[in-house]
Amino acid sequence: MAVILVTHDLGVVAGRTDEVIVMYAGQVVERAPTAALFANVRMPYTEALLESVPSVKSTIEARLPTIPGRPPDLADPPSGCRFAPRCRYVKAVCREQAPPLLTEGEHSYRCWFPVGEPSGVGRMAPTSGSAA
């Protein structure tokens, strides 16, 4: 039996799925077994979705983090990474070249600077959306 859940709330899929496929602007941007994805997020969009999951520790007045900007027009997608205009870690290459879907074992992701890599997102300060 298979069930497909379509949601922005990764908290919903955490305990209910064997595999997660994260899509952005019509493209797969991250795919992995559920436990592997939550243990080792690689795509900044996935990271942002996880940050927006409400916490039971939050106060009722606390605002959830949001992803700035708007999704791209799919009739005229941006050059480079489709998430680049909204990514807090964007660099020049992100705006110029679309990243391929890379695979490490059962984990695939589409990012020039994957979260957690020494040369990637996890090791640098956010650039506030500016190209470096």
Protein backbone atom coordinates (compact mmCIF):
# COMPACT_ATOMS: atom_id res chain seq x y z
CA MET A 1 0.00 0.00 0.00
CA ALA A 2 1.22 3.50 -0.71
CA VAL A 3 0.03 6.85 0.58
CA ILE A 4 1.19 10.20 -0.73
CA LEU A 5 1.06 13.13 1.68
CA VAL A 6 1.34 16.58 0.18
CA THR A 7 2.21 19.13 2.85
CA HIS A 8 4.59 21.91 3.85
CA ASP A 9 4.58 20.57 7.41
CA LEU A 10 7.45 18.10 7.70
CA GLY A 11 6.30 17.37 11.23
CA VAL A 12 3.30 15.61 9.70
CA VAL A 13 5.46 13.26 7.62
CA ALA A 14 8.08 12.61 10.31
CA GLY A 15 6.31 9.72 12.00
CA ARG A 16 4.11 8.59 9.14
CA THR A 17 6.40 7.92 6.18
CA ASP A 18 9.28 5.72 5.13
CA GLU A 19 10.59 8.16 2.53
CA VAL A 20 10.39 11.92 2.00
CA ILE A 21 10.59 13.77 -1.29
CA VAL A 22 10.85 17.54 -0.92
CA MET A 23 9.89 19.55 -4.00
CA TYR A 24 10.34 23.21 -4.79
CA ALA A 25 9.05 24.98 -7.89
CA GLY A 26 8.31 21.72 -9.68
CA GLN A 27 11.66 20.06 -8.98
CA VAL A 28 12.75 17.39 -6.53
CA VAL A 29 15.25 19.20 -4.27
CA GLU A 30 15.77 16.49 -1.65
CA ARG A 31 14.86 12.83 -1.34
CA ALA A 32 15.80 10.32 1.34
CA PRO A 33 14.46 7.74 3.76
CA THR A 34 12.61 9.73 6.41
CA ALA A 35 15.04 9.07 9.28
CA ALA A 36 18.04 9.89 7.05
CA LEU A 37 16.51 13.15 5.87
CA PHE A 38 15.73 14.37 9.39
CA ALA A 39 19.19 13.32 10.62
CA ASN A 40 21.08 14.96 7.76
CA VAL A 41 19.19 17.73 5.94
CA ARG A 42 21.13 18.82 2.85
CA MET A 43 18.88 21.38 1.11
CA PRO A 44 18.34 24.89 2.54
CA TYR A 45 14.64 24.75 1.54
CA THR A 46 14.18 21.58 3.61
CA GLU A 47 16.01 23.27 6.49
CA ALA A 48 13.66 26.26 6.25
CA LEU A 49 10.58 24.00 6.23
CA LEU A 50 11.83 22.24 9.37
CA GLU A 51 12.42 25.57 11.10
CA SER A 52 8.79 26.52 10.48
CA VAL A 53 7.36 23.47 12.29
CA PRO A 54 5.63 24.66 15.48
CA SER A 55 7.17 23.56 18.76
CA VAL A 56 5.26 22.62 21.90
CA LYS A 57 7.84 24.75 23.75
CA SER A 58 6.83 27.90 21.83
CA THR A 59 4.61 30.47 23.46
CA ILE A 60 1.25 31.18 21.91
CA GLU A 61 2.49 34.64 20.91
CA ALA A 62 5.60 33.31 19.17
CA ARG A 63 5.64 33.82 15.43
CA LEU A 64 6.74 30.97 13.21
CA PRO A 65 9.76 31.62 11.00
CA THR A 66 8.84 32.20 7.38
CA ILE A 67 10.74 31.94 4.12
CA PRO A 68 11.12 35.45 2.70
CA GLY A 69 10.07 36.25 -0.85
CA ARG A 70 7.69 34.44 -3.14
CA PRO A 71 7.91 31.19 -5.10
CA PRO A 72 9.11 31.71 -8.67
CA ASP A 73 6.87 32.06 -11.71
CA LEU A 74 7.05 28.58 -13.26
CA ALA A 75 6.25 30.03 -16.69
CA ASP A 76 9.54 31.93 -16.42
CA PRO A 77 11.71 30.25 -13.73
CA PRO A 78 14.87 32.02 -12.59
CA SER A 79 18.28 31.06 -13.94
CA GLY A 80 20.29 28.85 -11.65
CA CYS A 81 18.77 27.31 -8.55
CA ARG A 82 15.04 27.94 -8.35
CA PHE A 83 15.31 28.51 -4.59
CA ALA A 84 18.19 31.04 -4.91
CA PRO A 85 16.01 34.19 -4.74
CA ARG A 86 14.71 33.05 -1.32
CA CYS A 87 17.79 31.25 0.05
CA ARG A 88 19.55 32.84 3.01
CA TYR A 89 22.85 31.24 1.94
CA VAL A 90 22.80 32.18 -1.76
CA LYS A 91 26.07 32.67 -3.61
CA ALA A 92 26.77 33.82 -7.17
CA VAL A 93 26.94 30.29 -8.62
CA CYS A 94 23.47 29.59 -7.22
CA ARG A 95 22.01 32.39 -9.34
CA GLU A 96 23.97 31.40 -12.46
CA GLN A 97 23.88 27.60 -12.68
CA ALA A 98 21.14 25.14 -11.80
CA PRO A 99 22.54 22.52 -9.42
CA PRO A 100 22.24 18.87 -10.48
CA LEU A 101 20.42 16.32 -8.36
CA LEU A 102 23.34 14.72 -6.49
CA THR A 103 23.09 11.34 -4.78
CA GLU A 104 24.93 10.10 -1.69
CA GLY A 105 23.73 6.55 -1.01
CA GLU A 106 19.95 6.76 -0.59
CA HIS A 107 19.99 10.54 -0.10
CA SER A 108 19.62 12.89 -3.10
CA TYR A 109 19.65 16.68 -3.06
CA ARG A 110 19.92 19.63 -5.44
CA CYS A 111 22.24 22.28 -3.94
CA TRP A 112 25.67 23.77 -4.65
CA PHE A 113 26.25 24.35 -0.92
CA PRO A 114 24.51 21.53 0.97
CA VAL A 115 23.70 22.05 4.62
CA GLY A 116 26.36 20.53 6.85
CA GLU A 117 29.23 20.35 4.36
CA PRO A 118 32.42 22.11 5.44
CA SER A 119 32.43 24.10 2.20
CA GLY A 120 28.68 24.48 2.18
CA VAL A 121 25.84 26.21 3.99
CA GLY A 122 26.38 24.89 7.52
CA ARG A 123 29.78 26.51 7.90
CA MET A 124 29.13 30.07 6.76
CA ALA A 125 27.09 32.95 8.05
CA PRO A 126 23.91 33.72 6.11
CA THR A 127 24.38 36.29 3.36
CA SER A 128 20.95 37.91 3.72
CA GLY A 129 20.11 36.96 0.16
CA SER A 130 23.07 38.71 -1.45
CA ALA A 131 25.39 37.00 -3.91
CA ALA A 132 28.98 36.69 -2.83
